[in-house]
Amino acid sequence: MARSPINNLKENEGIAALIFLILCTLLAFKISPGVGTSNLAPAVPHATAPWIFGPFQVLLLYLPPWLGALAVPALIIIGLAGVPWAAHYWGDKWGMRIFSALFSLVLILLFWFMVKELWWTRL
């Protein structure tokens, strides 16, 4: 019996993924990250990581830790994970409306936090 091309593809991609992960791990041990400040960097009243991911670090700055680090991201993840269930339960049209509303809300919040952060740093 001939081998399935899907199983062969799974094995090849699995091996390639393992090699890629090993290579990334070796590079991570070899290259040290430049996490520090230079003397030329402007002084800021609060610490800001160079890899700021969206508004989550700003949430940690302005909100209590339990709310900014646990509750808000958990609600976002639960809301986005519930979209397929809502689409199945209420139909595709309502699912797309809910997804569009959540996506619009996330974009509005991201834009608001970016404007607020830029305005705050220019004072």
PDB file of N, CA and C in Angstrom:
ATOM      1  N   MET A   1       0.845  -1.183   0.000  1.00  0.00           N
ATOM      2  CA  MET A   1       0.000   0.000   0.000  1.00  0.00           C
ATOM      3  C   MET A   1       0.887   1.241   0.000  1.00  0.00           C
ATOM      4  N   ALA A   2       0.555   2.203  -0.817  1.00  0.00           N
ATOM      5  CA  ALA A   2       1.365   3.415  -0.956  1.00  0.00           C
ATOM      6  C   ALA A   2       1.123   4.351   0.220  1.00  0.00           C
ATOM      7  N   ARG A   3       2.150   5.094   0.535  1.00  0.00           N
ATOM      8  CA  ARG A   3       2.038   6.079   1.615  1.00  0.00           C
ATOM      9  C   ARG A   3       1.209   7.274   1.157  1.00  0.00           C
ATOM     10  N   SER A   4       0.472   7.810   2.085  1.00  0.00           N
ATOM     11  CA  SER A   4      -0.332   8.981   1.785  1.00  0.00           C
ATOM     12  C   SER A   4       0.576  10.210   1.681  1.00  0.00           C
ATOM     13  N   PRO A   5       0.371  11.065   0.680  1.00  0.00           N
ATOM     14  CA  PRO A   5       1.206  12.270   0.587  1.00  0.00           C
ATOM     15  C   PRO A   5       0.975  13.228   1.752  1.00  0.00           C
ATOM     16  N   ILE A   6      -0.203  13.147   2.362  1.00  0.00           N
ATOM     17  CA  ILE A   6      -0.479  14.014   3.515  1.00  0.00           C
ATOM     18  C   ILE A   6       0.410  13.608   4.695  1.00  0.00           C
ATOM     19  N   ASN A   7       0.526  12.305   4.962  1.00  0.00           N
ATOM     20  CA  ASN A   7       1.375  11.862   6.072  1.00  0.00           C
ATOM     21  C   ASN A   7       2.837  12.216   5.813  1.00  0.00           C
ATOM     22  N   ASN A   8       3.280  12.075   4.565  1.00  0.00           N
ATOM     23  CA  ASN A   8       4.649  12.440   4.214  1.00  0.00           C
ATOM     24  C   ASN A   8       4.869  13.941   4.428  1.00  0.00           C
ATOM     25  N   LEU A   9       3.881  14.750   4.053  1.00  0.00           N
ATOM     26  CA  LEU A   9       3.979  16.193   4.234  1.00  0.00           C
ATOM     27  C   LEU A   9       4.003  16.549   5.718  1.00  0.00           C
ATOM     28  N   LYS A  10       3.186  15.873   6.522  1.00  0.00           N
ATOM     29  CA  LYS A  10       3.180  16.120   7.965  1.00  0.00           C
ATOM     30  C   LYS A  10       4.539  15.818   8.573  1.00  0.00           C
ATOM     31  N   GLU A  11       5.143  14.694   8.176  1.00  0.00           N
ATOM     32  CA  GLU A  11       6.455  14.338   8.712  1.00  0.00           C
ATOM     33  C   GLU A  11       7.502  15.363   8.297  1.00  0.00           C
ATOM     34  N   ASN A  12       7.505  15.743   7.023  1.00  0.00           N
ATOM     35  CA  ASN A  12       8.493  16.717   6.547  1.00  0.00           C
ATOM     36  C   ASN A  12       8.343  18.063   7.247  1.00  0.00           C
ATOM     37  N   GLU A  13       7.106  18.529   7.390  1.00  0.00           N
ATOM     38  CA  GLU A  13       6.908  19.817   8.047  1.00  0.00           C
ATOM     39  C   GLU A  13       7.192  19.737   9.543  1.00  0.00           C
ATOM     40  N   GLY A  14       6.924  18.602  10.155  1.00  0.00           N
ATOM     41  CA  GLY A  14       7.257  18.422  11.567  1.00  0.00           C
ATOM     42  C   GLY A  14       8.756  18.460  11.794  1.00  0.00           C
ATOM     43  N   ILE A  15       9.493  17.790  10.938  1.00  0.00           N
ATOM     44  CA  ILE A  15      10.958  17.805  11.057  1.00  0.00           C
ATOM     45  C   ILE A  15      11.487  19.213  10.802  1.00  0.00           C
ATOM     46  N   ALA A  16      10.954  19.897   9.800  1.00  0.00           N
ATOM     47  CA  ALA A  16      11.389  21.263   9.514  1.00  0.00           C
ATOM     48  C   ALA A  16      11.070  22.196  10.684  1.00  0.00           C
ATOM     49  N   ALA A  17       9.923  22.010  11.318  1.00  0.00           N
ATOM     50  CA  ALA A  17       9.560  22.845  12.470  1.00  0.00           C
ATOM     51  C   ALA A  17      10.504  22.598  13.643  1.00  0.00           C
ATOM     52  N   LEU A  18      10.861  21.340  13.895  1.00  0.00           N
ATOM     53  CA  LEU A  18      11.799  21.039  14.982  1.00  0.00           C
ATOM     54  C   LEU A  18      13.174  21.639  14.703  1.00  0.00           C
ATOM     55  N   ILE A  19      13.646  21.517  13.482  1.00  0.00           N
ATOM     56  CA  ILE A  19      14.942  22.107  13.129  1.00  0.00           C
ATOM     57  C   ILE A  19      14.897  23.624  13.290  1.00  0.00           C
ATOM     58  N   PHE A  20      13.797  24.246  12.863  1.00  0.00           N
ATOM     59  CA  PHE A  20      13.652  25.693  13.001  1.00  0.00           C
ATOM     60  C   PHE A  20      13.644  26.107  14.479  1.00  0.00           C
ATOM     61  N   LEU A  21      12.938  25.368  15.330  1.00  0.00           N
ATOM     62  CA  LEU A  21      12.904  25.691  16.758  1.00  0.00           C
ATOM     63  C   LEU A  21      14.269  25.528  17.398  1.00  0.00           C
ATOM     64  N   ILE A  22      14.993  24.494  17.020  1.00  0.00           N
ATOM     65  CA  ILE A  22      16.337  24.296  17.566  1.00  0.00           C
ATOM     66  C   ILE A  22      17.256  25.426  17.118  1.00  0.00           C
ATOM     67  N   LEU A  23      17.164  25.822  15.847  1.00  0.00           N
ATOM     68  CA  LEU A  23      17.963  26.923  15.330  1.00  0.00           C
ATOM     69  C   LEU A  23      17.637  28.230  16.058  1.00  0.00           C
ATOM     70  N   CYS A  24      16.366  28.509  16.269  1.00  0.00           N
ATOM     71  CA  CYS A  24      15.964  29.726  16.985  1.00  0.00           C
ATOM     72  C   CYS A  24      16.456  29.713  18.423  1.00  0.00           C
ATOM     73  N   THR A  25      16.402  28.542  19.062  1.00  0.00           N
ATOM     74  CA  THR A  25      16.888  28.432  20.441  1.00  0.00           C
ATOM     75  C   THR A  25      18.390  28.674  20.508  1.00  0.00           C
ATOM     76  N   LEU A  26      19.141  28.092  19.571  1.00  0.00           N
ATOM     77  CA  LEU A  26      20.590  28.314  19.552  1.00  0.00           C
ATOM     78  C   LEU A  26      20.918  29.781  19.296  1.00  0.00           C
ATOM     79  N   LEU A  27      20.178  30.424  18.390  1.00  0.00           N
ATOM     80  CA  LEU A  27      20.398  31.843  18.146  1.00  0.00           C
ATOM     81  C   LEU A  27      20.037  32.690  19.373  1.00  0.00           C
ATOM     82  N   ALA A  28      19.018  32.295  20.099  1.00  0.00           N
ATOM     83  CA  ALA A  28      18.623  33.033  21.295  1.00  0.00           C
ATOM     84  C   ALA A  28      19.693  32.939  22.374  1.00  0.00           C
ATOM     85  N   PHE A  29      20.364  31.790  22.467  1.00  0.00           N
ATOM     86  CA  PHE A  29      21.448  31.660  23.439  1.00  0.00           C
ATOM     87  C   PHE A  29      22.698  32.416  22.984  1.00  0.00           C
ATOM     88  N   LYS A  30      22.899  32.522  21.688  1.00  0.00           N
ATOM     89  CA  LYS A  30      24.099  33.150  21.145  1.00  0.00           C
ATOM     90  C   LYS A  30      24.019  34.670  21.177  1.00  0.00           C
ATOM     91  N   ILE A  31      22.869  35.237  20.787  1.00  0.00           N
ATOM     92  CA  ILE A  31      22.716  36.684  20.665  1.00  0.00           C
ATOM     93  C   ILE A  31      22.071  37.227  21.930  1.00  0.00           C
ATOM     94  N   SER A  32      22.736  38.186  22.552  1.00  0.00           N
ATOM     95  CA  SER A  32      22.158  38.773  23.767  1.00  0.00           C
ATOM     96  C   SER A  32      21.246  39.934  23.372  1.00  0.00           C
ATOM     97  N   PRO A  33      20.096  40.051  24.016  1.00  0.00           N
ATOM     98  CA  PRO A  33      19.180  41.140  23.673  1.00  0.00           C
ATOM     99  C   PRO A  33      19.690  42.466  24.219  1.00  0.00           C
ATOM    100  N   GLY A  34      19.487  43.516  23.475  1.00  0.00           N
ATOM    101  CA  GLY A  34      19.904  44.841  23.918  1.00  0.00           C
ATOM    102  C   GLY A  34      18.794  45.514  24.696  1.00  0.00           C
ATOM    103  N   VAL A  35      18.605  45.089  25.926  1.00  0.00           N
ATOM    104  CA  VAL A  35      17.556  45.670  26.760  1.00  0.00           C
ATOM    105  C   VAL A  35      18.226  46.635  27.714  1.00  0.00           C
ATOM    106  N   GLY A  36      18.199  47.859  27.375  1.00  0.00           N
ATOM    107  CA  GLY A  36      18.813  48.880  28.210  1.00  0.00           C
ATOM    108  C   GLY A  36      18.514  50.233  27.614  1.00  0.00           C
ATOM    109  N   THR A  37      18.963  51.246  28.294  1.00  0.00           N
ATOM    110  CA  THR A  37      18.747  52.592  27.780  1.00  0.00           C
ATOM    111  C   THR A  37      20.093  53.207  27.454  1.00  0.00           C
ATOM    112  N   SER A  38      20.084  54.080  26.510  1.00  0.00           N
ATOM    113  CA  SER A  38      21.309  54.800  26.164  1.00  0.00           C
ATOM    114  C   SER A  38      21.266  56.174  26.817  1.00  0.00           C
ATOM    115  N   ASN A  39      22.391  56.843  26.776  1.00  0.00           N
ATOM    116  CA  ASN A  39      22.434  58.193  27.337  1.00  0.00           C
ATOM    117  C   ASN A  39      21.698  59.193  26.454  1.00  0.00           C
ATOM    118  N   LEU A  40      21.489  58.826  25.183  1.00  0.00           N
ATOM    119  CA  LEU A  40      20.811  59.724  24.262  1.00  0.00           C
ATOM    120  C   LEU A  40      19.291  59.599  24.324  1.00  0.00           C
ATOM    121  N   ALA A  41      18.796  58.581  25.010  1.00  0.00           N
ATOM    122  CA  ALA A  41      17.351  58.371  25.077  1.00  0.00           C
ATOM    123  C   ALA A  41      16.714  59.441  25.963  1.00  0.00           C
ATOM    124  N   PRO A  42      15.555  59.949  25.553  1.00  0.00           N
ATOM    125  CA  PRO A  42      14.896  60.955  26.394  1.00  0.00           C
ATOM    126  C   PRO A  42      14.367  60.322  27.674  1.00  0.00           C
ATOM    127  N   ALA A  43      14.421  61.073  28.737  1.00  0.00           N
ATOM    128  CA  ALA A  43      13.926  60.575  30.020  1.00  0.00           C
ATOM    129  C   ALA A  43      12.403  60.566  29.995  1.00  0.00           C
ATOM    130  N   VAL A  44      11.825  59.469  30.446  1.00  0.00           N
ATOM    131  CA  VAL A  44      10.368  59.353  30.517  1.00  0.00           C
ATOM    132  C   VAL A  44       9.981  59.154  31.969  1.00  0.00           C
ATOM    133  N   PRO A  45       8.792  59.622  32.354  1.00  0.00           N
ATOM    134  CA  PRO A  45       8.388  59.477  33.751  1.00  0.00           C
ATOM    135  C   PRO A  45       8.054  58.039  34.143  1.00  0.00           C
ATOM    136  N   HIS A  46       7.853  57.166  33.170  1.00  0.00           N
ATOM    137  CA  HIS A  46       7.546  55.775  33.466  1.00  0.00           C
ATOM    138  C   HIS A  46       8.357  54.880  32.528  1.00  0.00           C
ATOM    139  N   ALA A  47       8.596  53.679  32.963  1.00  0.00           N
ATOM    140  CA  ALA A  47       9.369  52.745  32.145  1.00  0.00           C
ATOM    141  C   ALA A  47       8.504  52.222  31.007  1.00  0.00           C
ATOM    142  N   THR A  48       9.049  52.229  29.802  1.00  0.00           N
ATOM    143  CA  THR A  48       8.348  51.726  28.632  1.00  0.00           C
ATOM    144  C   THR A  48       9.259  50.747  27.920  1.00  0.00           C
ATOM    145  N   ALA A  49       8.784  49.538  27.741  1.00  0.00           N
ATOM    146  CA  ALA A  49       9.586  48.530  27.061  1.00  0.00           C
ATOM    147  C   ALA A  49       9.673  48.856  25.575  1.00  0.00           C
ATOM    148  N   PRO A  50      10.790  48.503  24.941  1.00  0.00           N
ATOM    149  CA  PRO A  50      10.888  48.786  23.506  1.00  0.00           C
ATOM    150  C   PRO A  50       9.964  47.923  22.675  1.00  0.00           C
ATOM    151  N   TRP A  51       9.467  46.833  23.216  1.00  0.00           N
ATOM    152  CA  TRP A  51       8.600  45.936  22.456  1.00  0.00           C
ATOM    153  C   TRP A  51       7.139  46.105  22.892  1.00  0.00           C
ATOM    154  N   ILE A  52       6.744  47.334  23.190  1.00  0.00           N
ATOM    155  CA  ILE A  52       5.385  47.565  23.680  1.00  0.00           C
ATOM    156  C   ILE A  52       4.386  46.968  22.692  1.00  0.00           C
ATOM    157  N   PHE A  53       3.552  46.091  23.189  1.00  0.00           N
ATOM    158  CA  PHE A  53       2.612  45.357  22.345  1.00  0.00           C
ATOM    159  C   PHE A  53       1.226  45.926  22.551  1.00  0.00           C
ATOM    160  N   GLY A  54       0.860  46.802  21.643  1.00  0.00           N
ATOM    161  CA  GLY A  54      -0.470  47.381  21.737  1.00  0.00           C
ATOM    162  C   GLY A  54      -0.616  48.201  22.996  1.00  0.00           C
ATOM    163  N   PRO A  55      -1.789  48.267  23.515  1.00  0.00           N
ATOM    164  CA  PRO A  55      -2.026  49.103  24.688  1.00  0.00           C
ATOM    165  C   PRO A  55      -1.883  48.374  26.015  1.00  0.00           C
ATOM    166  N   PHE A  56      -1.413  47.124  26.017  1.00  0.00           N
ATOM    167  CA  PHE A  56      -1.409  46.371  27.266  1.00  0.00           C
ATOM    168  C   PHE A  56      -0.464  46.969  28.303  1.00  0.00           C
ATOM    169  N   GLN A  57       0.682  47.470  27.886  1.00  0.00           N
ATOM    170  CA  GLN A  57       1.568  48.093  28.854  1.00  0.00           C
ATOM    171  C   GLN A  57       0.998  49.419  29.346  1.00  0.00           C
ATOM    172  N   VAL A  58       0.288  50.126  28.478  1.00  0.00           N
ATOM    173  CA  VAL A  58      -0.369  51.352  28.901  1.00  0.00           C
ATOM    174  C   VAL A  58      -1.494  51.031  29.886  1.00  0.00           C
ATOM    175  N   LEU A  59      -2.193  49.906  29.636  1.00  0.00           N
ATOM    176  CA  LEU A  59      -3.210  49.476  30.601  1.00  0.00           C
ATOM    177  C   LEU A  59      -2.584  49.220  31.965  1.00  0.00           C
ATOM    178  N   LEU A  60      -1.417  48.607  31.980  1.00  0.00           N
ATOM    179  CA  LEU A  60      -0.737  48.358  33.250  1.00  0.00           C
ATOM    180  C   LEU A  60      -0.325  49.655  33.919  1.00  0.00           C
ATOM    181  N   LEU A  61      -0.051  50.671  33.132  1.00  0.00           N
ATOM    182  CA  LEU A  61       0.373  51.947  33.698  1.00  0.00           C
ATOM    183  C   LEU A  61      -0.787  52.694  34.354  1.00  0.00           C
ATOM    184  N   TYR A  62      -1.939  52.713  33.692  1.00  0.00           N
ATOM    185  CA  TYR A  62      -3.046  53.546  34.156  1.00  0.00           C
ATOM    186  C   TYR A  62      -4.084  52.814  34.994  1.00  0.00           C
ATOM    187  N   LEU A  63      -4.152  51.502  34.913  1.00  0.00           N
ATOM    188  CA  LEU A  63      -5.175  50.747  35.642  1.00  0.00           C
ATOM    189  C   LEU A  63      -4.546  49.957  36.769  1.00  0.00           C
ATOM    190  N   PRO A  64      -5.347  49.510  37.732  1.00  0.00           N
ATOM    191  CA  PRO A  64      -4.806  48.613  38.752  1.00  0.00           C
ATOM    192  C   PRO A  64      -4.278  47.329  38.103  1.00  0.00           C
ATOM    193  N   PRO A  65      -3.257  46.718  38.694  1.00  0.00           N
ATOM    194  CA  PRO A  65      -2.629  45.560  38.042  1.00  0.00           C
ATOM    195  C   PRO A  65      -3.588  44.412  37.747  1.00  0.00           C
ATOM    196  N   TRP A  66      -4.495  44.116  38.660  1.00  0.00           N
ATOM    197  CA  TRP A  66      -5.398  42.981  38.426  1.00  0.00           C
ATOM    198  C   TRP A  66      -6.337  43.264  37.262  1.00  0.00           C
ATOM    199  N   LEU A  67      -6.680  44.532  37.066  1.00  0.00           N
ATOM    200  CA  LEU A  67      -7.597  44.875  35.985  1.00  0.00           C
ATOM    201  C   LEU A  67      -6.873  44.966  34.641  1.00  0.00           C
ATOM    202  N   GLY A  68      -5.726  45.639  34.635  1.00  0.00           N
ATOM    203  CA  GLY A  68      -5.006  45.833  33.384  1.00  0.00           C
ATOM    204  C   GLY A  68      -4.272  44.598  32.892  1.00  0.00           C
ATOM    205  N   ALA A  69      -3.822  43.732  33.808  1.00  0.00           N
ATOM    206  CA  ALA A  69      -3.031  42.563  33.405  1.00  0.00           C
ATOM    207  C   ALA A  69      -3.856  41.291  33.317  1.00  0.00           C
ATOM    208  N   LEU A  70      -4.970  41.225  34.027  1.00  0.00           N
ATOM    209  CA  LEU A  70      -5.749  39.987  34.048  1.00  0.00           C
ATOM    210  C   LEU A  70      -7.138  40.136  33.438  1.00  0.00           C
ATOM    211  N   ALA A  71      -7.892  41.068  33.940  1.00  0.00           N
ATOM    212  CA  ALA A  71      -9.308  41.137  33.571  1.00  0.00           C
ATOM    213  C   ALA A  71      -9.521  41.597  32.129  1.00  0.00           C
ATOM    214  N   VAL A  72      -8.915  42.698  31.736  1.00  0.00           N
ATOM    215  CA  VAL A  72      -9.165  43.236  30.393  1.00  0.00           C
ATOM    216  C   VAL A  72      -8.647  42.296  29.297  1.00  0.00           C
ATOM    217  N   PRO A  73      -7.387  41.805  29.369  1.00  0.00           N
ATOM    218  CA  PRO A  73      -6.957  40.849  28.330  1.00  0.00           C
ATOM    219  C   PRO A  73      -7.781  39.569  28.329  1.00  0.00           C
ATOM    220  N   ALA A  74      -8.191  39.089  29.507  1.00  0.00           N
ATOM    221  CA  ALA A  74      -9.017  37.875  29.564  1.00  0.00           C
ATOM    222  C   ALA A  74     -10.373  38.118  28.905  1.00  0.00           C
ATOM    223  N   LEU A  75     -10.971  39.281  29.149  1.00  0.00           N
ATOM    224  CA  LEU A  75     -12.252  39.591  28.513  1.00  0.00           C
ATOM    225  C   LEU A  75     -12.106  39.697  26.996  1.00  0.00           C
ATOM    226  N   ILE A  76     -11.004  40.266  26.530  1.00  0.00           N
ATOM    227  CA  ILE A  76     -10.784  40.368  25.080  1.00  0.00           C
ATOM    228  C   ILE A  76     -10.636  38.975  24.480  1.00  0.00           C
ATOM    229  N   ILE A  77      -9.851  38.126  25.120  1.00  0.00           N
ATOM    230  CA  ILE A  77      -9.631  36.768  24.597  1.00  0.00           C
ATOM    231  C   ILE A  77     -10.926  35.967  24.634  1.00  0.00           C
ATOM    232  N   ILE A  78     -11.665  36.045  25.732  1.00  0.00           N
ATOM    233  CA  ILE A  78     -12.932  35.310  25.841  1.00  0.00           C
ATOM    234  C   ILE A  78     -13.931  35.823  24.811  1.00  0.00           C
ATOM    235  N   GLY A  79     -13.968  37.147  24.618  1.00  0.00           N
ATOM    236  CA  GLY A  79     -14.892  37.706  23.630  1.00  0.00           C
ATOM    237  C   GLY A  79     -14.567  37.258  22.223  1.00  0.00           C
ATOM    238  N   LEU A  80     -13.285  37.273  21.861  1.00  0.00           N
ATOM    239  CA  LEU A  80     -12.906  36.842  20.516  1.00  0.00           C
ATOM    240  C   LEU A  80     -13.051  35.332  20.347  1.00  0.00           C
ATOM    241  N   ALA A  81     -12.835  34.568  21.428  1.00  0.00           N
ATOM    242  CA  ALA A  81     -13.012  33.115  21.337  1.00  0.00           C
ATOM    243  C   ALA A  81     -14.490  32.745  21.243  1.00  0.00           C
ATOM    244  N   GLY A  82     -15.369  33.607  21.722  1.00  0.00           N
ATOM    245  CA  GLY A  82     -16.797  33.325  21.659  1.00  0.00           C
ATOM    246  C   GLY A  82     -17.446  33.669  20.336  1.00  0.00           C
ATOM    247  N   VAL A  83     -16.710  34.315  19.435  1.00  0.00           N
ATOM    248  CA  VAL A  83     -17.285  34.704  18.143  1.00  0.00           C
ATOM    249  C   VAL A  83     -17.733  33.489  17.326  1.00  0.00           C
ATOM    250  N   PRO A  84     -16.924  32.420  17.205  1.00  0.00           N
ATOM    251  CA  PRO A  84     -17.414  31.265  16.434  1.00  0.00           C
ATOM    252  C   PRO A  84     -18.666  30.633  17.044  1.00  0.00           C
ATOM    253  N   TRP A  85     -18.734  30.572  18.377  1.00  0.00           N
ATOM    254  CA  TRP A  85     -19.927  30.031  19.022  1.00  0.00           C
ATOM    255  C   TRP A  85     -21.140  30.899  18.716  1.00  0.00           C
ATOM    256  N   ALA A  86     -20.956  32.216  18.778  1.00  0.00           N
ATOM    257  CA  ALA A  86     -22.075  33.126  18.484  1.00  0.00           C
ATOM    258  C   ALA A  86     -22.495  32.997  17.028  1.00  0.00           C
ATOM    259  N   ALA A  87     -21.534  32.817  16.133  1.00  0.00           N
ATOM    260  CA  ALA A  87     -21.870  32.662  14.711  1.00  0.00           C
ATOM    261  C   ALA A  87     -22.660  31.384  14.486  1.00  0.00           C
ATOM    262  N   HIS A  88     -22.290  30.332  15.190  1.00  0.00           N
ATOM    263  CA  HIS A  88     -23.025  29.069  15.042  1.00  0.00           C
ATOM    264  C   HIS A  88     -24.409  29.157  15.692  1.00  0.00           C
ATOM    265  N   TYR A  89     -24.486  29.804  16.851  1.00  0.00           N
ATOM    266  CA  TYR A  89     -25.734  29.861  17.610  1.00  0.00           C
ATOM    267  C   TYR A  89     -26.743  30.813  16.974  1.00  0.00           C
ATOM    268  N   TRP A  90     -26.299  32.003  16.576  1.00  0.00           N
ATOM    269  CA  TRP A  90     -27.207  33.013  16.043  1.00  0.00           C
ATOM    270  C   TRP A  90     -27.224  33.072  14.521  1.00  0.00           C
ATOM    271  N   GLY A  91     -26.338  32.364  13.889  1.00  0.00           N
ATOM    272  CA  GLY A  91     -26.265  32.422  12.431  1.00  0.00           C
ATOM    273  C   GLY A  91     -25.072  33.244  11.977  1.00  0.00           C
ATOM    274  N   ASP A  92     -24.697  33.038  10.745  1.00  0.00           N
ATOM    275  CA  ASP A  92     -23.503  33.698  10.227  1.00  0.00           C
ATOM    276  C   ASP A  92     -23.633  35.216  10.178  1.00  0.00           C
ATOM    277  N   LYS A  93     -24.835  35.703   9.913  1.00  0.00           N
ATOM    278  CA  LYS A  93     -25.010  37.147   9.798  1.00  0.00           C
ATOM    279  C   LYS A  93     -24.758  37.834  11.141  1.00  0.00           C
ATOM    280  N   TRP A  94     -25.315  37.271  12.221  1.00  0.00           N
ATOM    281  CA  TRP A  94     -25.089  37.843  13.543  1.00  0.00           C
ATOM    282  C   TRP A  94     -23.650  37.656  13.989  1.00  0.00           C
ATOM    283  N   GLY A  95     -23.040  36.537  13.609  1.00  0.00           N
ATOM    284  CA  GLY A  95     -21.639  36.320  13.953  1.00  0.00           C
ATOM    285  C   GLY A  95     -20.740  37.354  13.313  1.00  0.00           C
ATOM    286  N   MET A  96     -21.012  37.679  12.064  1.00  0.00           N
ATOM    287  CA  MET A  96     -20.210  38.707  11.390  1.00  0.00           C
ATOM    288  C   MET A  96     -20.445  40.084  12.009  1.00  0.00           C
ATOM    289  N   ARG A  97     -21.679  40.353  12.422  1.00  0.00           N
ATOM    290  CA  ARG A  97     -21.951  41.635  13.077  1.00  0.00           C
ATOM    291  C   ARG A  97     -21.205  41.736  14.402  1.00  0.00           C
ATOM    292  N   ILE A  98     -21.224  40.661  15.191  1.00  0.00           N
ATOM    293  CA  ILE A  98     -20.521  40.664  16.475  1.00  0.00           C
ATOM    294  C   ILE A  98     -19.024  40.805  16.251  1.00  0.00           C
ATOM    295  N   PHE A  99     -18.492  40.048  15.282  1.00  0.00           N
ATOM    296  CA  PHE A  99     -17.066  40.143  14.988  1.00  0.00           C
ATOM    297  C   PHE A  99     -16.705  41.550  14.536  1.00  0.00           C
ATOM    298  N   SER A 100     -17.524  42.144  13.687  1.00  0.00           N
ATOM    299  CA  SER A 100     -17.254  43.500  13.216  1.00  0.00           C
ATOM    300  C   SER A 100     -17.293  44.489  14.370  1.00  0.00           C
ATOM    301  N   ALA A 101     -18.244  44.328  15.278  1.00  0.00           N
ATOM    302  CA  ALA A 101     -18.333  45.234  16.425  1.00  0.00           C
ATOM    303  C   ALA A 101     -17.113  45.085  17.335  1.00  0.00           C
ATOM    304  N   LEU A 102     -16.701  43.843  17.617  1.00  0.00           N
ATOM    305  CA  LEU A 102     -15.530  43.635  18.473  1.00  0.00           C
ATOM    306  C   LEU A 102     -14.254  44.140  17.797  1.00  0.00           C
ATOM    307  N   PHE A 103     -14.125  43.873  16.511  1.00  0.00           N
ATOM    308  CA  PHE A 103     -12.950  44.332  15.784  1.00  0.00           C
ATOM    309  C   PHE A 103     -12.894  45.857  15.761  1.00  0.00           C
ATOM    310  N   SER A 104     -14.030  46.486  15.540  1.00  0.00           N
ATOM    311  CA  SER A 104     -14.081  47.953  15.546  1.00  0.00           C
ATOM    312  C   SER A 104     -13.740  48.501  16.923  1.00  0.00           C
ATOM    313  N   LEU A 105     -14.246  47.856  17.966  1.00  0.00           N
ATOM    314  CA  LEU A 105     -13.942  48.303  19.321  1.00  0.00           C
ATOM    315  C   LEU A 105     -12.454  48.201  19.618  1.00  0.00           C
ATOM    316  N   VAL A 106     -11.838  47.101  19.229  1.00  0.00           N
ATOM    317  CA  VAL A 106     -10.398  46.933  19.455  1.00  0.00           C
ATOM    318  C   VAL A 106      -9.615  47.990  18.681  1.00  0.00           C
ATOM    319  N   LEU A 107      -9.986  48.257  17.430  1.00  0.00           N
ATOM    320  CA  LEU A 107      -9.288  49.282  16.653  1.00  0.00           C
ATOM    321  C   LEU A 107      -9.461  50.668  17.269  1.00  0.00           C
ATOM    322  N   ILE A 108     -10.660  50.980  17.733  1.00  0.00           N
ATOM    323  CA  ILE A 108     -10.898  52.279  18.360  1.00  0.00           C
ATOM    324  C   ILE A 108     -10.068  52.416  19.630  1.00  0.00           C
ATOM    325  N   LEU A 109     -10.030  51.362  20.449  1.00  0.00           N
ATOM    326  CA  LEU A 109      -9.235  51.416  21.676  1.00  0.00           C
ATOM    327  C   LEU A 109      -7.747  51.543  21.378  1.00  0.00           C
ATOM    328  N   LEU A 110      -7.259  50.798  20.385  1.00  0.00           N
ATOM    329  CA  LEU A 110      -5.850  50.918  20.015  1.00  0.00           C
ATOM    330  C   LEU A 110      -5.525  52.341  19.556  1.00  0.00           C
ATOM    331  N   PHE A 111      -6.375  52.902  18.710  1.00  0.00           N
ATOM    332  CA  PHE A 111      -6.151  54.265  18.238  1.00  0.00           C
ATOM    333  C   PHE A 111      -6.199  55.248  19.397  1.00  0.00           C
ATOM    334  N   TRP A 112      -7.156  55.072  20.303  1.00  0.00           N
ATOM    335  CA  TRP A 112      -7.290  55.980  21.442  1.00  0.00           C
ATOM    336  C   TRP A 112      -6.059  55.914  22.332  1.00  0.00           C
ATOM    337  N   PHE A 113      -5.566  54.705  22.602  1.00  0.00           N
ATOM    338  CA  PHE A 113      -4.385  54.576  23.446  1.00  0.00           C
ATOM    339  C   PHE A 113      -3.142  55.151  22.759  1.00  0.00           C
ATOM    340  N   MET A 114      -3.038  54.980  21.436  1.00  0.00           N
ATOM    341  CA  MET A 114      -1.886  55.554  20.733  1.00  0.00           C
ATOM    342  C   MET A 114      -1.922  57.072  20.800  1.00  0.00           C
ATOM    343  N   VAL A 115      -3.084  57.673  20.556  1.00  0.00           N
ATOM    344  CA  VAL A 115      -3.202  59.132  20.611  1.00  0.00           C
ATOM    345  C   VAL A 115      -2.936  59.620  22.023  1.00  0.00           C
ATOM    346  N   LYS A 116      -3.489  58.930  23.004  1.00  0.00           N
ATOM    347  CA  LYS A 116      -3.291  59.341  24.390  1.00  0.00           C
ATOM    348  C   LYS A 116      -1.826  59.234  24.787  1.00  0.00           C
ATOM    349  N   GLU A 117      -1.158  58.163  24.363  1.00  0.00           N
ATOM    350  CA  GLU A 117       0.243  57.987  24.712  1.00  0.00           C
ATOM    351  C   GLU A 117       1.129  59.029  24.017  1.00  0.00           C
ATOM    352  N   LEU A 118       0.849  59.324  22.752  1.00  0.00           N
ATOM    353  CA  LEU A 118       1.620  60.354  22.062  1.00  0.00           C
ATOM    354  C   LEU A 118       1.398  61.720  22.692  1.00  0.00           C
ATOM    355  N   TRP A 119       0.149  62.011  23.041  1.00  0.00           N
ATOM    356  CA  TRP A 119      -0.154  63.288  23.682  1.00  0.00           C
ATOM    357  C   TRP A 119       0.515  63.377  25.051  1.00  0.00           C
ATOM    358  N   TRP A 120       0.518  62.250  25.782  1.00  0.00           N
ATOM    359  CA  TRP A 120       1.074  62.234  27.132  1.00  0.00           C
ATOM    360  C   TRP A 120       2.582  62.427  27.098  1.00  0.00           C
ATOM    361  N   THR A 121       3.274  61.839  26.106  1.00  0.00           N
ATOM    362  CA  THR A 121       4.731  61.941  26.060  1.00  0.00           C
ATOM    363  C   THR A 121       5.196  63.299  25.548  1.00  0.00           C
ATOM    364  N   ARG A 122       4.343  64.043  24.856  1.00  0.00           N
ATOM    365  CA  ARG A 122       4.757  65.358  24.337  1.00  0.00           C
ATOM    366  C   ARG A 122       4.573  66.463  25.357  1.00  0.00           C
ATOM    367  N   LEU A 123       3.968  66.182  26.502  1.00  0.00           N
ATOM    368  CA  LEU A 123       3.789  67.235  27.518  1.00  0.00           C
ATOM    369  C   LEU A 123       5.084  67.574  28.200  1.00  0.00           C
TER     370      LEU A 123
END
